C-alpha atoms as a PDB file:
ATOM      1  CA  MET A   1     -49.963 -55.932  33.999  1.00  0.00           C
ATOM      2  CA  SER A   2     -50.341 -59.658  33.224  1.00  0.00           C
ATOM      3  CA  ILE A   3     -49.683 -62.961  35.033  1.00  0.00           C
ATOM      4  CA  TYR A   4     -46.837 -64.846  33.429  1.00  0.00           C
ATOM      5  CA  GLU A   5     -45.565 -68.376  34.193  1.00  0.00           C
ATOM      6  CA  LEU A   6     -41.773 -68.399  34.073  1.00  0.00           C
ATOM      7  CA  ARG A   7     -39.166 -71.144  34.170  1.00  0.00           C
ATOM      8  CA  CYS A   8     -35.448 -70.970  34.824  1.00  0.00           C
ATOM      9  CA  GLY A   9     -32.733 -73.171  33.397  1.00  0.00           C
ATOM     10  CA  HIS A  10     -32.775 -75.390  36.541  1.00  0.00           C
ATOM     11  CA  GLY A  11     -36.377 -76.332  35.995  1.00  0.00           C
ATOM     12  CA  HIS A  12     -38.038 -74.054  38.724  1.00  0.00           C
ATOM     13  CA  THR A  13     -41.378 -72.583  37.609  1.00  0.00           C
ATOM     14  CA  PHE A  14     -43.184 -69.636  39.168  1.00  0.00           C
ATOM     15  CA  GLU A  15     -45.799 -66.986  38.407  1.00  0.00           C
ATOM     16  CA  VAL A  16     -45.337 -63.269  38.439  1.00  0.00           C
ATOM     17  CA  ILE A  17     -47.476 -60.241  37.733  1.00  0.00           C
ATOM     18  CA  HIS A  18     -45.417 -58.424  35.276  1.00  0.00           C
ATOM     19  CA  SER A  19     -45.449 -55.669  32.696  1.00  0.00           C
ATOM     20  CA  PHE A  20     -45.153 -56.818  28.984  1.00  0.00           C
ATOM     21  CA  THR A  21     -42.373 -54.264  28.302  1.00  0.00           C
ATOM     22  CA  ALA A  22     -40.224 -54.789  31.473  1.00  0.00           C
ATOM     23  CA  PRO A  23     -37.360 -57.244  31.448  1.00  0.00           C
ATOM     24  CA  LEU A  24     -38.112 -60.699  32.893  1.00  0.00           C
ATOM     25  CA  PRO A  25     -37.069 -61.021  36.587  1.00  0.00           C
ATOM     26  CA  SER A  26     -34.413 -63.656  37.502  1.00  0.00           C
ATOM     27  CA  CYS A  27     -35.361 -66.841  39.295  1.00  0.00           C
ATOM     28  CA  PRO A  28     -35.924 -66.330  42.958  1.00  0.00           C
ATOM     29  CA  GLY A  29     -34.675 -69.905  43.729  1.00  0.00           C
ATOM     30  CA  GLY A  30     -31.237 -69.434  41.987  1.00  0.00           C
ATOM     31  CA  GLY A  31     -30.905 -66.196  40.424  1.00  0.00           C
ATOM     32  CA  THR A  32     -30.651 -67.568  36.919  1.00  0.00           C
ATOM     33  CA  ALA A  33     -32.264 -66.180  33.751  1.00  0.00           C
ATOM     34  CA  THR A  34     -35.985 -67.071  33.090  1.00  0.00           C
ATOM     35  CA  VAL A  35     -38.146 -67.556  30.006  1.00  0.00           C
ATOM     36  CA  LYS A  36     -41.915 -67.353  29.615  1.00  0.00           C
ATOM     37  CA  VAL A  37     -43.778 -70.689  29.642  1.00  0.00           C
ATOM     38  CA  PRO A  38     -46.960 -70.876  27.335  1.00  0.00           C
ATOM     39  CA  SER A  39     -50.064 -71.067  29.502  1.00  0.00           C
ATOM     40  CA  ARG A  40     -52.296 -74.015  29.701  1.00  0.00           C
ATOM     41  CA  PHE A  41     -55.992 -73.557  29.174  1.00  0.00           C
ATOM     42  CA  GLY A  42     -59.105 -75.684  29.504  1.00  0.00           C
ATOM     43  CA  ILE A  43     -62.108 -76.101  27.420  1.00  0.00           C
ATOM     44  CA  ALA A  44     -65.232 -77.247  28.957  1.00  0.00           C
ATOM     45  CA  GLY A  45     -68.932 -77.513  28.080  1.00  0.00           C
ATOM     46  CA  ARG A  46     -70.532 -78.771  24.928  1.00  0.00           C
ATOM     47  CA  ALA A  47     -72.035 -77.069  21.914  1.00  0.00           C
ATOM     48  CA  ALA A  48     -75.396 -78.052  20.526  1.00  0.00           C
ATOM     49  CA  LEU A  49     -76.082 -77.789  16.832  1.00  0.00           C
ATOM     50  CA  PRO A  50     -79.139 -75.783  15.868  1.00  0.00           C
ATOM     51  CA  PRO A  51     -81.900 -77.442  13.849  1.00  0.00           C
ATOM     52  CA  PRO A  52     -81.254 -77.571  10.059  1.00  0.00           C
ATOM     53  CA  PRO A  53     -82.668 -74.678   8.040  1.00  0.00           C
ATOM     54  CA  GLU A  54     -85.298 -77.054   6.382  1.00  0.00           C
ATOM     55  CA  VAL A  55     -86.870 -77.624   9.848  1.00  0.00           C
ATOM     56  CA  MET A  56     -86.906 -73.953  10.867  1.00  0.00           C
ATOM     57  CA  PRO A  57     -89.978 -71.827   9.853  1.00  0.00           C
ATOM     58  CA  GLN A  58     -89.175 -69.357   7.065  1.00  0.00           C
ATOM     59  CA  ALA A  59     -91.826 -66.739   8.090  1.00  0.00           C
ATOM     60  CA  TRP A  60     -94.310 -65.909  10.795  1.00  0.00           C
ATOM     61  CA  ARG A  61     -96.911 -68.015   8.969  1.00  0.00           C
ATOM     62  CA  GLY A  62     -94.507 -71.038   9.344  1.00  0.00           C
ATOM     63  CA  THR A  63     -94.982 -70.715  13.085  1.00  0.00           C
ATOM     64  CA  TYR A  64     -98.641 -71.354  12.920  1.00  0.00           C
ATOM     65  CA  ASP A  65     -99.289 -67.774  13.874  1.00  0.00           C
ATOM     66  CA  GLY A  66     -96.882 -67.820  16.816  1.00  0.00           C
ATOM     67  CA  ASN A  67     -98.220 -70.919  18.456  1.00  0.00           C
ATOM     68  CA  ARG A  68     -96.357 -71.078  21.737  1.00  0.00           C
ATOM     69  CA  GLU A  69     -96.255 -74.869  21.890  1.00  0.00           C
ATOM     70  CA  TYR A  70     -94.881 -75.201  18.382  1.00  0.00           C
ATOM     71  CA  ILE A  71     -92.192 -72.474  18.909  1.00  0.00           C
ATOM     72  CA  THR A  72     -91.180 -74.132  22.239  1.00  0.00           C
ATOM     73  CA  SER A  73     -90.854 -77.492  20.482  1.00  0.00           C
ATOM     74  CA  LEU A  74     -88.172 -76.030  18.182  1.00  0.00           C
ATOM     75  CA  ARG A  75     -85.959 -75.021  21.155  1.00  0.00           C
ATOM     76  CA  PRO A  76     -83.361 -77.578  22.233  1.00  0.00           C
ATOM     77  CA  ALA A  77     -83.910 -79.210  25.696  1.00  0.00           C
ATOM     78  CA  PRO A  78     -81.619 -77.758  28.343  1.00  0.00           C
END
C-alpha cells in the first residue's frame, strides 16, 4: 500500500492510501475520474568533499605511525 496524491478534472487534489494494482478511486468532491500527481520531494543538507588523494596518507607510515593529532586533522570539521 502506498500513499498517492490524486487530482480530478475540476482541480481538486487529495491523498489516498491505495494499492498499486487497484483502479484509482473517483473524486470524493465531485465523483469525477482522477489521475496520479507526481510527488514533490525536498533535498536538504550539504555534502562535503573529501580531501584530495594527494593529501591523504597512502600507508600507515604516512600517518606518522598513527599519530592521533595528525589523523584528527585530516577529518573535516563538523
